[in-house]
Amino acid sequence: MHSRYRALLVVVTVLAVSLMTVGVIRGMHERAPTGAEDATVREDPRGAVVRLVDEGEAVRTALGELIAEGRDIAGTDGNADLGASQALNEALSTAEAHHAAPVPEVPGPAATTEAIAAAHVEAEDWVGDLRWMAAELARNISEYERPPEERRPRAGLESPHPEGAG
């Protein structure tokens, strides 16, 4: 009986190991991403870049409208002083340069993770610059339209921490 018991134990062990190996291989195969799943995983970061570029285009369109409004206002001889007029013209020139900046490229489906990440950073910077420029131009237009007695003094940038405040 002793040898039969040992033989039975060997057979059961071999069967158990074989079944576990087959199960592990099958599980790995089922969980492995297919080509379509791999493309979907890569599509999400690309999709984020596409969304950023679309958002940037919308901000760029709004900036173009602000530029047109600023040009119309700058063309009128309102009650603006020389400083406000100069600030508006400088803001318009800068806004036109931002408006004409090239749109960041969206990486292709075969792009590396690093290329997609770099494109994402570039698109974020581009959108941020456009937003900042639109806000700055809107501020300059608003400042230009104010009556001279209501304008802020243009002494330069003020520190958020007054001297002596600590």
N, C-alpha and C. Protein backbone atom coordinates (compact mmCIF):
# COMPACT_ATOMS: atom_id res chain seq x y z
N MET A 1 0.80 -1.19 0.00
CA MET A 1 0.00 0.00 0.00
C MET A 1 0.85 1.26 0.00
N HIS A 2 1.97 1.12 0.60
CA HIS A 2 2.81 2.28 0.70
C HIS A 2 3.26 2.78 -0.66
N SER A 3 3.64 1.90 -1.57
CA SER A 3 4.06 2.31 -2.91
C SER A 3 2.87 2.81 -3.74
N ARG A 4 1.71 2.21 -3.53
CA ARG A 4 0.51 2.69 -4.23
C ARG A 4 0.16 4.11 -3.78
N TYR A 5 0.28 4.33 -2.50
CA TYR A 5 -0.02 5.66 -1.96
C TYR A 5 0.93 6.71 -2.54
N ARG A 6 2.21 6.34 -2.63
CA ARG A 6 3.21 7.25 -3.18
C ARG A 6 2.94 7.51 -4.66
N ALA A 7 2.60 6.50 -5.43
CA ALA A 7 2.31 6.66 -6.86
C ALA A 7 1.08 7.53 -7.05
N LEU A 8 0.06 7.31 -6.23
CA LEU A 8 -1.15 8.12 -6.32
C LEU A 8 -0.85 9.59 -5.98
N LEU A 9 -0.01 9.81 -5.00
CA LEU A 9 0.37 11.17 -4.62
C LEU A 9 1.12 11.87 -5.75
N VAL A 10 2.01 11.16 -6.43
CA VAL A 10 2.75 11.72 -7.57
C VAL A 10 1.79 12.07 -8.70
N VAL A 11 0.87 11.17 -9.02
CA VAL A 11 -0.09 11.42 -10.10
C VAL A 11 -0.97 12.62 -9.77
N VAL A 12 -1.47 12.70 -8.56
CA VAL A 12 -2.32 13.83 -8.15
C VAL A 12 -1.53 15.14 -8.20
N THR A 13 -0.28 15.12 -7.75
CA THR A 13 0.56 16.32 -7.77
C THR A 13 0.81 16.78 -9.19
N VAL A 14 1.14 15.86 -10.08
CA VAL A 14 1.38 16.20 -11.49
C VAL A 14 0.12 16.79 -12.11
N LEU A 15 -1.03 16.17 -11.84
CA LEU A 15 -2.29 16.69 -12.37
C LEU A 15 -2.60 18.09 -11.83
N ALA A 16 -2.39 18.28 -10.54
CA ALA A 16 -2.67 19.58 -9.92
C ALA A 16 -1.76 20.66 -10.50
N VAL A 17 -0.48 20.37 -10.62
CA VAL A 17 0.46 21.35 -11.19
C VAL A 17 0.11 21.64 -12.64
N SER A 18 -0.24 20.63 -13.40
CA SER A 18 -0.61 20.83 -14.81
C SER A 18 -1.85 21.71 -14.93
N LEU A 19 -2.86 21.41 -14.13
CA LEU A 19 -4.09 22.21 -14.17
C LEU A 19 -3.84 23.66 -13.74
N MET A 20 -3.01 23.85 -12.73
CA MET A 20 -2.70 25.21 -12.29
C MET A 20 -1.93 25.96 -13.37
N THR A 21 -1.00 25.29 -14.02
CA THR A 21 -0.24 25.93 -15.10
C THR A 21 -1.15 26.32 -16.25
N VAL A 22 -2.05 25.43 -16.64
CA VAL A 22 -3.00 25.74 -17.71
C VAL A 22 -3.88 26.91 -17.30
N GLY A 23 -4.33 26.94 -16.05
CA GLY A 23 -5.17 28.04 -15.56
C GLY A 23 -4.44 29.38 -15.57
N VAL A 24 -3.19 29.37 -15.15
CA VAL A 24 -2.41 30.61 -15.16
C VAL A 24 -2.19 31.10 -16.58
N ILE A 25 -1.84 30.20 -17.48
CA ILE A 25 -1.63 30.59 -18.88
C ILE A 25 -2.91 31.13 -19.49
N ARG A 26 -4.03 30.45 -19.24
CA ARG A 26 -5.31 30.91 -19.78
C ARG A 26 -5.66 32.30 -19.20
N GLY A 27 -5.45 32.49 -17.91
CA GLY A 27 -5.74 33.79 -17.28
C GLY A 27 -4.88 34.90 -17.85
N MET A 28 -3.61 34.61 -18.08
CA MET A 28 -2.72 35.62 -18.66
C MET A 28 -3.16 35.96 -20.07
N HIS A 29 -3.58 34.96 -20.81
CA HIS A 29 -4.02 35.19 -22.18
C HIS A 29 -5.30 36.03 -22.22
N GLU A 30 -6.23 35.74 -21.31
CA GLU A 30 -7.49 36.48 -21.27
C GLU A 30 -7.29 37.92 -20.82
N ARG A 31 -6.32 38.17 -19.96
CA ARG A 31 -6.09 39.52 -19.45
C ARG A 31 -5.15 40.34 -20.32
N ALA A 32 -4.46 39.72 -21.22
CA ALA A 32 -3.53 40.45 -22.09
C ALA A 32 -4.31 41.37 -23.01
N PRO A 33 -3.88 42.65 -23.13
CA PRO A 33 -4.62 43.56 -24.00
C PRO A 33 -4.46 43.18 -25.46
N THR A 34 -5.55 43.23 -26.17
CA THR A 34 -5.50 42.97 -27.61
C THR A 34 -5.04 44.25 -28.28
N GLY A 35 -4.86 44.20 -29.57
CA GLY A 35 -4.45 45.39 -30.31
C GLY A 35 -5.46 46.52 -30.16
N ALA A 36 -6.75 46.19 -30.18
CA ALA A 36 -7.79 47.21 -30.05
C ALA A 36 -7.78 47.82 -28.65
N GLU A 37 -7.61 46.96 -27.62
CA GLU A 37 -7.56 47.48 -26.27
C GLU A 37 -6.33 48.34 -26.06
N ASP A 38 -5.21 47.92 -26.64
CA ASP A 38 -3.98 48.68 -26.53
C ASP A 38 -4.16 50.06 -27.17
N ALA A 39 -4.83 50.11 -28.30
CA ALA A 39 -5.09 51.40 -28.96
C ALA A 39 -6.02 52.26 -28.11
N THR A 40 -6.99 51.63 -27.43
CA THR A 40 -7.90 52.39 -26.56
C THR A 40 -7.15 52.97 -25.38
N VAL A 41 -6.25 52.18 -24.80
CA VAL A 41 -5.46 52.68 -23.69
C VAL A 41 -4.63 53.87 -24.14
N ARG A 42 -4.07 53.79 -25.33
CA ARG A 42 -3.26 54.87 -25.85
C ARG A 42 -4.13 56.03 -26.32
N GLU A 43 -5.39 55.77 -26.64
CA GLU A 43 -6.29 56.80 -27.15
C GLU A 43 -6.68 57.80 -26.07
N ASP A 44 -6.80 57.35 -24.82
CA ASP A 44 -7.21 58.25 -23.76
C ASP A 44 -6.27 59.45 -23.62
N PRO A 45 -4.95 59.25 -23.50
CA PRO A 45 -4.06 60.42 -23.44
C PRO A 45 -4.10 61.24 -24.73
N ARG A 46 -4.21 60.57 -25.87
CA ARG A 46 -4.33 61.31 -27.14
C ARG A 46 -5.63 62.10 -27.15
N GLY A 47 -6.69 61.48 -26.64
CA GLY A 47 -7.98 62.16 -26.57
C GLY A 47 -7.90 63.41 -25.71
N ALA A 48 -7.11 63.35 -24.64
CA ALA A 48 -6.93 64.53 -23.79
C ALA A 48 -6.24 65.64 -24.57
N VAL A 49 -5.27 65.29 -25.39
CA VAL A 49 -4.59 66.29 -26.21
C VAL A 49 -5.56 66.88 -27.22
N VAL A 50 -6.37 66.03 -27.83
CA VAL A 50 -7.37 66.51 -28.81
C VAL A 50 -8.34 67.47 -28.13
N ARG A 51 -8.80 67.11 -26.93
CA ARG A 51 -9.73 68.00 -26.21
C ARG A 51 -9.07 69.33 -25.87
N LEU A 52 -7.80 69.30 -25.47
CA LEU A 52 -7.09 70.55 -25.18
C LEU A 52 -6.96 71.41 -26.43
N VAL A 53 -6.64 70.79 -27.55
CA VAL A 53 -6.51 71.55 -28.80
C VAL A 53 -7.86 72.14 -29.19
N ASP A 54 -8.94 71.38 -29.03
CA ASP A 54 -10.27 71.91 -29.33
C ASP A 54 -10.61 73.08 -28.41
N GLU A 55 -10.28 72.93 -27.14
CA GLU A 55 -10.52 74.01 -26.18
C GLU A 55 -9.70 75.24 -26.56
N GLY A 56 -8.45 75.01 -26.95
CA GLY A 56 -7.59 76.11 -27.38
C GLY A 56 -8.15 76.82 -28.60
N GLU A 57 -8.70 76.07 -29.51
CA GLU A 57 -9.30 76.68 -30.71
C GLU A 57 -10.49 77.57 -30.32
N ALA A 58 -11.27 77.13 -29.34
CA ALA A 58 -12.40 77.95 -28.88
C ALA A 58 -11.90 79.24 -28.23
N VAL A 59 -10.86 79.13 -27.40
CA VAL A 59 -10.28 80.32 -26.77
C VAL A 59 -9.66 81.21 -27.84
N ARG A 60 -9.03 80.60 -28.82
CA ARG A 60 -8.42 81.36 -29.91
C ARG A 60 -9.48 82.14 -30.69
N THR A 61 -10.64 81.54 -30.93
CA THR A 61 -11.74 82.23 -31.61
C THR A 61 -12.21 83.41 -30.77
N ALA A 62 -12.37 83.20 -29.46
CA ALA A 62 -12.77 84.29 -28.57
C ALA A 62 -11.72 85.40 -28.57
N LEU A 63 -10.45 85.01 -28.59
CA LEU A 63 -9.37 86.00 -28.64
C LEU A 63 -9.45 86.80 -29.94
N GLY A 64 -9.74 86.14 -31.04
CA GLY A 64 -9.90 86.84 -32.32
C GLY A 64 -11.02 87.87 -32.26
N GLU A 65 -12.12 87.51 -31.59
CA GLU A 65 -13.22 88.46 -31.43
C GLU A 65 -12.81 89.64 -30.56
N LEU A 66 -12.04 89.37 -29.50
CA LEU A 66 -11.54 90.45 -28.65
C LEU A 66 -10.58 91.36 -29.42
N ILE A 67 -9.75 90.76 -30.27
CA ILE A 67 -8.83 91.56 -31.09
C ILE A 67 -9.62 92.50 -31.99
N ALA A 68 -10.66 91.98 -32.63
CA ALA A 68 -11.50 92.82 -33.51
C ALA A 68 -12.15 93.94 -32.70
N GLU A 69 -12.66 93.60 -31.52
CA GLU A 69 -13.27 94.62 -30.66
C GLU A 69 -12.24 95.66 -30.25
N GLY A 70 -11.06 95.20 -29.87
CA GLY A 70 -9.99 96.12 -29.47
C GLY A 70 -9.57 97.03 -30.60
N ARG A 71 -9.47 96.50 -31.81
CA ARG A 71 -9.12 97.33 -32.97
C ARG A 71 -10.20 98.38 -33.23
N ASP A 72 -11.47 97.98 -33.12
CA ASP A 72 -12.56 98.94 -33.32
C ASP A 72 -12.49 100.05 -32.28
N ILE A 73 -12.26 99.67 -31.04
CA ILE A 73 -12.21 100.67 -29.96
C ILE A 73 -10.98 101.55 -30.11
N ALA A 74 -9.84 100.96 -30.45
CA ALA A 74 -8.61 101.73 -30.60
C ALA A 74 -8.72 102.70 -31.77
N GLY A 75 -9.56 102.38 -32.75
CA GLY A 75 -9.73 103.25 -33.91
C GLY A 75 -10.57 104.48 -33.62
N THR A 76 -11.29 104.47 -32.52
CA THR A 76 -12.10 105.64 -32.17
C THR A 76 -11.27 106.57 -31.31
N ASP A 77 -11.50 107.84 -31.46
CA ASP A 77 -10.81 108.83 -30.64
C ASP A 77 -11.65 109.12 -29.41
N GLY A 78 -11.72 108.16 -28.52
CA GLY A 78 -12.51 108.33 -27.31
C GLY A 78 -11.78 109.22 -26.32
N ASN A 79 -12.09 109.01 -25.08
CA ASN A 79 -11.50 109.83 -24.03
C ASN A 79 -10.26 109.17 -23.44
N ALA A 80 -9.61 108.31 -24.17
CA ALA A 80 -8.43 107.60 -23.67
C ALA A 80 -7.21 108.50 -23.68
N ASP A 81 -6.40 108.35 -22.65
CA ASP A 81 -5.15 109.09 -22.64
C ASP A 81 -4.08 108.29 -23.38
N LEU A 82 -2.94 108.89 -23.52
CA LEU A 82 -1.86 108.26 -24.29
C LEU A 82 -1.43 106.93 -23.67
N GLY A 83 -1.36 106.85 -22.35
CA GLY A 83 -0.92 105.62 -21.69
C GLY A 83 -1.87 104.46 -21.93
N ALA A 84 -3.17 104.72 -21.80
CA ALA A 84 -4.15 103.66 -22.03
C ALA A 84 -4.16 103.24 -23.49
N SER A 85 -3.99 104.21 -24.38
CA SER A 85 -3.96 103.91 -25.81
C SER A 85 -2.74 103.06 -26.16
N GLN A 86 -1.60 103.43 -25.59
CA GLN A 86 -0.38 102.67 -25.85
C GLN A 86 -0.49 101.25 -25.27
N ALA A 87 -1.04 101.13 -24.07
CA ALA A 87 -1.20 99.81 -23.45
C ALA A 87 -2.12 98.93 -24.28
N LEU A 88 -3.21 99.51 -24.79
CA LEU A 88 -4.14 98.73 -25.61
C LEU A 88 -3.46 98.29 -26.91
N ASN A 89 -2.73 99.19 -27.55
CA ASN A 89 -2.06 98.82 -28.81
C ASN A 89 -1.00 97.74 -28.59
N GLU A 90 -0.27 97.82 -27.47
CA GLU A 90 0.71 96.78 -27.16
C GLU A 90 0.01 95.44 -26.90
N ALA A 91 -1.09 95.50 -26.16
CA ALA A 91 -1.84 94.27 -25.88
C ALA A 91 -2.40 93.68 -27.17
N LEU A 92 -2.86 94.53 -28.08
CA LEU A 92 -3.38 94.05 -29.36
C LEU A 92 -2.27 93.37 -30.17
N SER A 93 -1.09 93.97 -30.20
CA SER A 93 0.02 93.36 -30.94
C SER A 93 0.39 92.00 -30.36
N THR A 94 0.47 91.94 -29.04
CA THR A 94 0.80 90.67 -28.39
C THR A 94 -0.29 89.64 -28.62
N ALA A 95 -1.55 90.08 -28.54
CA ALA A 95 -2.68 89.17 -28.76
C ALA A 95 -2.67 88.62 -30.18
N GLU A 96 -2.34 89.46 -31.14
CA GLU A 96 -2.28 88.99 -32.53
C GLU A 96 -1.19 87.95 -32.70
N ALA A 97 -0.07 88.13 -32.01
CA ALA A 97 1.00 87.13 -32.08
C ALA A 97 0.55 85.80 -31.47
N HIS A 98 -0.15 85.87 -30.33
CA HIS A 98 -0.67 84.65 -29.71
C HIS A 98 -1.72 84.00 -30.61
N HIS A 99 -2.55 84.82 -31.23
CA HIS A 99 -3.62 84.32 -32.10
C HIS A 99 -3.04 83.61 -33.32
N ALA A 100 -1.90 84.10 -33.80
CA ALA A 100 -1.28 83.53 -35.00
C ALA A 100 -0.36 82.34 -34.69
N ALA A 101 -0.13 82.08 -33.41
CA ALA A 101 0.76 80.97 -33.04
C ALA A 101 0.20 79.65 -33.58
N PRO A 102 1.09 78.76 -34.01
CA PRO A 102 0.61 77.49 -34.57
C PRO A 102 -0.08 76.62 -33.51
N VAL A 103 -1.03 75.86 -33.97
CA VAL A 103 -1.76 74.92 -33.12
C VAL A 103 -0.84 73.73 -32.83
N PRO A 104 -0.75 73.30 -31.58
CA PRO A 104 0.07 72.12 -31.29
C PRO A 104 -0.43 70.90 -32.05
N GLU A 105 0.50 70.07 -32.47
CA GLU A 105 0.15 68.85 -33.22
C GLU A 105 -0.34 67.77 -32.27
N VAL A 106 -1.36 67.06 -32.70
CA VAL A 106 -1.86 65.91 -31.95
C VAL A 106 -1.07 64.69 -32.44
N PRO A 107 -0.45 63.94 -31.52
CA PRO A 107 0.34 62.78 -31.94
C PRO A 107 -0.54 61.72 -32.61
N GLY A 108 0.06 60.97 -33.51
CA GLY A 108 -0.64 59.91 -34.21
C GLY A 108 -0.88 58.71 -33.30
N PRO A 109 -1.65 57.74 -33.78
CA PRO A 109 -1.98 56.56 -32.97
C PRO A 109 -0.76 55.74 -32.57
N ALA A 110 0.30 55.79 -33.34
CA ALA A 110 1.49 55.00 -33.02
C ALA A 110 2.50 55.77 -32.18
N ALA A 111 2.13 56.94 -31.68
CA ALA A 111 3.05 57.78 -30.92
C ALA A 111 3.42 57.12 -29.59
N THR A 112 4.62 57.41 -29.14
CA THR A 112 5.07 56.88 -27.86
C THR A 112 4.40 57.64 -26.72
N THR A 113 4.45 57.05 -25.56
CA THR A 113 3.88 57.69 -24.37
C THR A 113 4.57 59.02 -24.11
N GLU A 114 5.87 59.06 -24.33
CA GLU A 114 6.62 60.29 -24.11
C GLU A 114 6.19 61.38 -25.08
N ALA A 115 5.96 61.02 -26.34
CA ALA A 115 5.53 62.01 -27.34
C ALA A 115 4.14 62.53 -27.01
N ILE A 116 3.26 61.65 -26.53
CA ILE A 116 1.92 62.08 -26.15
C ILE A 116 1.98 63.00 -24.94
N ALA A 117 2.82 62.66 -23.97
CA ALA A 117 2.97 63.50 -22.77
C ALA A 117 3.52 64.87 -23.15
N ALA A 118 4.50 64.90 -24.04
CA ALA A 118 5.07 66.18 -24.48
C ALA A 118 4.03 67.02 -25.22
N ALA A 119 3.23 66.37 -26.05
CA ALA A 119 2.18 67.09 -26.78
C ALA A 119 1.13 67.62 -25.81
N HIS A 120 0.84 66.87 -24.76
CA HIS A 120 -0.14 67.31 -23.76
C HIS A 120 0.37 68.56 -23.05
N VAL A 121 1.64 68.56 -22.65
CA VAL A 121 2.22 69.72 -21.99
C VAL A 121 2.21 70.93 -22.92
N GLU A 122 2.58 70.70 -24.18
CA GLU A 122 2.59 71.79 -25.16
C GLU A 122 1.18 72.36 -25.36
N ALA A 123 0.19 71.49 -25.45
CA ALA A 123 -1.19 71.94 -25.64
C ALA A 123 -1.69 72.69 -24.41
N GLU A 124 -1.35 72.20 -23.21
CA GLU A 124 -1.74 72.91 -21.98
C GLU A 124 -1.13 74.30 -21.94
N ASP A 125 0.15 74.41 -22.29
CA ASP A 125 0.81 75.71 -22.31
C ASP A 125 0.16 76.64 -23.31
N TRP A 126 -0.15 76.12 -24.48
CA TRP A 126 -0.77 76.91 -25.54
C TRP A 126 -2.13 77.44 -25.10
N VAL A 127 -2.95 76.57 -24.52
CA VAL A 127 -4.27 76.98 -24.04
C VAL A 127 -4.12 78.00 -22.92
N GLY A 128 -3.20 77.76 -22.00
CA GLY A 128 -2.96 78.69 -20.90
C GLY A 128 -2.53 80.06 -21.40
N ASP A 129 -1.63 80.08 -22.38
CA ASP A 129 -1.19 81.35 -22.96
C ASP A 129 -2.35 82.09 -23.63
N LEU A 130 -3.17 81.35 -24.37
CA LEU A 130 -4.32 81.99 -25.03
C LEU A 130 -5.30 82.55 -24.00
N ARG A 131 -5.57 81.79 -22.95
CA ARG A 131 -6.48 82.28 -21.90
C ARG A 131 -5.93 83.54 -21.25
N TRP A 132 -4.64 83.49 -20.90
CA TRP A 132 -4.02 84.64 -20.26
C TRP A 132 -4.11 85.86 -21.18
N MET A 133 -3.80 85.65 -22.46
CA MET A 133 -3.81 86.76 -23.39
C MET A 133 -5.21 87.33 -23.56
N ALA A 134 -6.21 86.47 -23.62
CA ALA A 134 -7.60 86.95 -23.75
C ALA A 134 -7.98 87.77 -22.52
N ALA A 135 -7.61 87.30 -21.33
CA ALA A 135 -7.93 88.05 -20.11
C ALA A 135 -7.18 89.38 -20.08
N GLU A 136 -5.93 89.37 -20.48
CA GLU A 136 -5.13 90.60 -20.49
C GLU A 136 -5.68 91.61 -21.49
N LEU A 137 -6.06 91.14 -22.66
CA LEU A 137 -6.62 92.04 -23.67
C LEU A 137 -7.96 92.59 -23.20
N ALA A 138 -8.79 91.75 -22.61
CA ALA A 138 -10.08 92.22 -22.09
C ALA A 138 -9.86 93.28 -21.01
N ARG A 139 -8.86 93.08 -20.16
CA ARG A 139 -8.54 94.07 -19.13
C ARG A 139 -8.10 95.38 -19.76
N ASN A 140 -7.26 95.31 -20.79
CA ASN A 140 -6.79 96.52 -21.46
C ASN A 140 -7.93 97.25 -22.17
N ILE A 141 -8.83 96.50 -22.79
CA ILE A 141 -9.99 97.12 -23.45
C ILE A 141 -10.84 97.83 -22.40
N SER A 142 -11.09 97.16 -21.29
CA SER A 142 -11.89 97.75 -20.22
C SER A 142 -11.22 99.01 -19.68
N GLU A 143 -9.93 98.94 -19.49
CA GLU A 143 -9.17 100.11 -19.00
C GLU A 143 -9.24 101.26 -20.00
N TYR A 144 -9.15 100.95 -21.27
CA TYR A 144 -9.20 101.98 -22.32
C TYR A 144 -10.57 102.66 -22.35
N GLU A 145 -11.63 101.90 -22.09
CA GLU A 145 -12.98 102.45 -22.15
C GLU A 145 -13.36 103.26 -20.92
N ARG A 146 -12.62 103.14 -19.84
CA ARG A 146 -12.91 103.91 -18.63
C ARG A 146 -12.63 105.38 -18.84
N PRO A 147 -13.40 106.22 -18.18
CA PRO A 147 -13.06 107.65 -18.21
C PRO A 147 -11.71 107.86 -17.53
N PRO A 148 -10.93 108.83 -17.98
CA PRO A 148 -9.57 109.03 -17.44
C PRO A 148 -9.53 109.18 -15.92
N GLU A 149 -10.51 109.81 -15.33
CA GLU A 149 -10.47 110.02 -13.87
C GLU A 149 -10.69 108.72 -13.08
N GLU A 150 -11.22 107.69 -13.72
CA GLU A 150 -11.45 106.41 -13.05
C GLU A 150 -10.32 105.41 -13.28
N ARG A 151 -9.37 105.75 -14.09
CA ARG A 151 -8.30 104.80 -14.42
C ARG A 151 -7.35 104.62 -13.25
N ARG A 152 -6.81 103.42 -13.18
CA ARG A 152 -5.80 103.12 -12.17
C ARG A 152 -4.49 103.78 -12.58
N PRO A 153 -3.71 104.21 -11.63
CA PRO A 153 -2.38 104.72 -11.99
C PRO A 153 -1.53 103.58 -12.53
N ARG A 154 -0.73 103.85 -13.53
CA ARG A 154 0.08 102.82 -14.19
C ARG A 154 1.52 102.90 -13.67
N ALA A 155 1.69 102.68 -12.38
CA ALA A 155 3.01 102.79 -11.77
C ALA A 155 3.80 101.49 -11.89
N GLY A 156 3.28 100.52 -12.54
CA GLY A 156 3.99 99.25 -12.68
C GLY A 156 3.36 98.19 -11.80
N LEU A 157 4.05 97.08 -11.67
CA LEU A 157 3.52 95.98 -10.88
C LEU A 157 3.64 96.29 -9.40
N GLU A 158 2.59 96.03 -8.69
CA GLU A 158 2.62 96.23 -7.25
C GLU A 158 2.86 94.90 -6.58
N SER A 159 3.65 94.94 -5.52
CA SER A 159 3.93 93.73 -4.77
C SER A 159 2.71 93.35 -3.94
N PRO A 160 2.41 92.07 -3.85
CA PRO A 160 1.29 91.66 -3.01
C PRO A 160 1.57 91.87 -1.52
N HIS A 161 2.85 92.11 -1.16
CA HIS A 161 3.24 92.33 0.23
C HIS A 161 3.79 93.74 0.36
N PRO A 162 3.01 94.68 0.90
CA PRO A 162 3.50 96.05 1.03
C PRO A 162 4.74 96.08 1.91
N GLU A 163 5.59 97.05 1.65
CA GLU A 163 6.83 97.16 2.42
C GLU A 163 6.49 97.38 3.89
N GLY A 164 7.24 96.71 4.71
CA GLY A 164 7.04 96.86 6.15
C GLY A 164 5.95 95.97 6.70
N ALA A 165 5.22 95.26 5.84
CA ALA A 165 4.14 94.42 6.34
C ALA A 165 4.66 93.05 6.78
N GLY A 166 5.90 92.81 6.50
CA GLY A 166 6.45 91.63 7.07
C GLY A 166 6.84 90.53 6.26
